[in-house]
Amino acid sequence: MGNFRQIRGLYRTAQLVLTERDDYDPSHCRDLRETILGFLLLLGWQTRTAALLSGVLLLLFAVTMAGALGIKAPLDFSVFSASGGAFLLASSTEDPFSIDRLLRDSSAQA
């Protein structure tokens, strides 16, 4: 298993535009966004928005990864298929086990 230091090293290797400041590390903000989107998807709250944002984030990551490391890397790690799955979830109209469904059902009964 990797650790955060290795992930940051890989991020800096794959990053196309490097910043001049050493104290600014955009990987912290990205990790926070990914964590929040993951929790939203697990909870089923704002599912369509979270899935759409996750799909865009994964697609940008796949394109950047392909540009920096070649097309084999994002295909090996199935980043394109994960992005497609997120877009498929965003287009889904049925969400039987989610907070969104509970909120919709409770507002329809009121």
Protein backbone atom coordinates (compact mmCIF):
# COMPACT_ATOMS: atom_id res chain seq x y z
CA MET A 1 0.00 0.00 0.00
CA GLY A 2 1.14 3.49 -0.76
CA ASN A 3 1.21 6.40 1.56
CA PHE A 4 0.42 10.06 1.23
CA ARG A 5 4.04 11.02 0.54
CA GLN A 6 4.15 8.69 -2.47
CA ILE A 7 0.82 10.02 -3.75
CA ARG A 8 2.08 13.60 -3.50
CA GLY A 9 5.25 12.59 -5.34
CA LEU A 10 3.22 11.00 -8.13
CA TYR A 11 0.98 14.06 -8.28
CA ARG A 12 3.94 16.37 -8.67
CA THR A 13 5.41 14.11 -11.35
CA ALA A 14 2.17 14.07 -13.35
CA GLN A 15 1.35 17.73 -12.79
CA LEU A 16 1.71 19.62 -16.05
CA VAL A 17 1.88 23.13 -14.62
CA LEU A 18 4.10 23.42 -11.56
CA THR A 19 3.72 26.28 -9.15
CA GLU A 20 6.68 28.36 -8.04
CA ARG A 21 5.76 28.32 -4.36
CA ASP A 22 6.78 25.30 -2.29
CA ASP A 23 4.28 25.98 0.51
CA TYR A 24 1.27 25.70 -1.82
CA ASP A 25 0.25 22.13 -2.50
CA PRO A 26 -3.02 21.78 -4.46
CA SER A 27 -3.18 18.05 -3.73
CA HIS A 28 -4.66 18.78 -0.28
CA CYS A 29 -7.65 20.61 -1.77
CA ARG A 30 -8.12 17.90 -4.38
CA ASP A 31 -8.07 15.17 -1.74
CA LEU A 32 -10.68 17.02 0.30
CA ARG A 33 -12.95 17.41 -2.76
CA GLU A 34 -12.58 13.73 -3.62
CA THR A 35 -13.38 12.71 -0.04
CA ILE A 36 -16.46 14.91 0.12
CA LEU A 37 -17.74 13.63 -3.23
CA GLY A 38 -17.15 10.05 -2.10
CA PHE A 39 -19.14 10.55 1.11
CA LEU A 40 -21.96 12.23 -0.80
CA LEU A 41 -22.14 9.28 -3.18
CA LEU A 42 -22.05 6.74 -0.33
CA LEU A 43 -24.81 8.55 1.55
CA GLY A 44 -26.89 9.13 -1.55
CA TRP A 45 -27.30 12.84 -0.86
CA GLN A 46 -27.21 15.14 -3.89
CA THR A 47 -26.42 12.00 -5.88
CA ARG A 48 -26.81 13.44 -9.37
CA THR A 49 -24.62 16.48 -8.65
CA ALA A 50 -21.96 14.47 -6.82
CA ALA A 51 -21.86 11.86 -9.59
CA LEU A 52 -21.57 14.51 -12.30
CA LEU A 53 -18.75 16.30 -10.46
CA SER A 54 -17.01 12.98 -9.79
CA GLY A 55 -17.26 12.09 -13.48
CA VAL A 56 -15.76 15.42 -14.53
CA LEU A 57 -13.00 15.10 -11.94
CA LEU A 58 -12.17 11.56 -13.06
CA LEU A 59 -12.23 12.52 -16.74
CA LEU A 60 -9.87 15.44 -16.13
CA PHE A 61 -7.62 13.15 -14.14
CA ALA A 62 -7.63 10.56 -16.94
CA VAL A 63 -6.81 13.12 -19.63
CA THR A 64 -4.02 14.62 -17.51
CA MET A 65 -2.69 11.18 -16.73
CA ALA A 66 -2.75 10.24 -20.42
CA GLY A 67 -0.94 13.45 -21.36
CA ALA A 68 1.74 13.05 -18.72
CA LEU A 69 2.26 9.29 -18.61
CA GLY A 70 0.79 8.01 -21.87
CA ILE A 71 -2.55 6.43 -22.66
CA LYS A 72 -1.62 3.09 -21.08
CA ALA A 73 -1.63 4.44 -17.50
CA PRO A 74 -5.29 5.60 -17.31
CA LEU A 75 -6.38 2.45 -19.15
CA ASP A 76 -4.45 0.23 -16.72
CA PHE A 77 -6.10 1.92 -13.73
CA SER A 78 -9.59 2.01 -15.37
CA VAL A 79 -9.96 5.74 -14.87
CA PHE A 80 -11.99 6.17 -18.07
CA SER A 81 -14.43 3.43 -17.06
CA ALA A 82 -14.79 4.93 -13.56
CA SER A 83 -15.59 8.27 -15.17
CA GLY A 84 -18.15 6.60 -17.42
CA GLY A 85 -19.71 4.90 -14.41
CA ALA A 86 -20.02 8.23 -12.61
CA PHE A 87 -21.69 9.79 -15.66
CA LEU A 88 -24.04 6.79 -15.90
CA LEU A 89 -25.00 7.25 -12.25
CA ALA A 90 -25.59 10.96 -12.88
CA SER A 91 -28.00 10.12 -15.70
CA SER A 92 -29.88 7.52 -13.62
CA THR A 93 -33.39 8.46 -12.54
CA GLU A 94 -33.91 5.65 -10.04
CA ASP A 95 -32.13 5.73 -6.68
CA PRO A 96 -33.92 3.35 -4.32
CA PHE A 97 -31.52 3.49 -1.35
CA SER A 98 -30.53 7.10 -0.83
CA ILE A 99 -31.20 10.16 1.26
CA ASP A 100 -32.47 11.89 -1.89
CA ARG A 101 -35.21 9.26 -2.22
CA LEU A 102 -36.22 9.61 1.44
CA LEU A 103 -36.43 13.40 1.08
CA ARG A 104 -38.49 13.10 -2.11
CA ASP A 105 -40.89 10.59 -0.53
CA SER A 106 -41.36 12.66 2.62
CA SER A 107 -42.06 15.85 0.64
CA ALA A 108 -44.57 13.99 -1.56
CA GLN A 109 -46.50 12.74 1.52
CA ALA A 110 -46.63 16.17 3.16
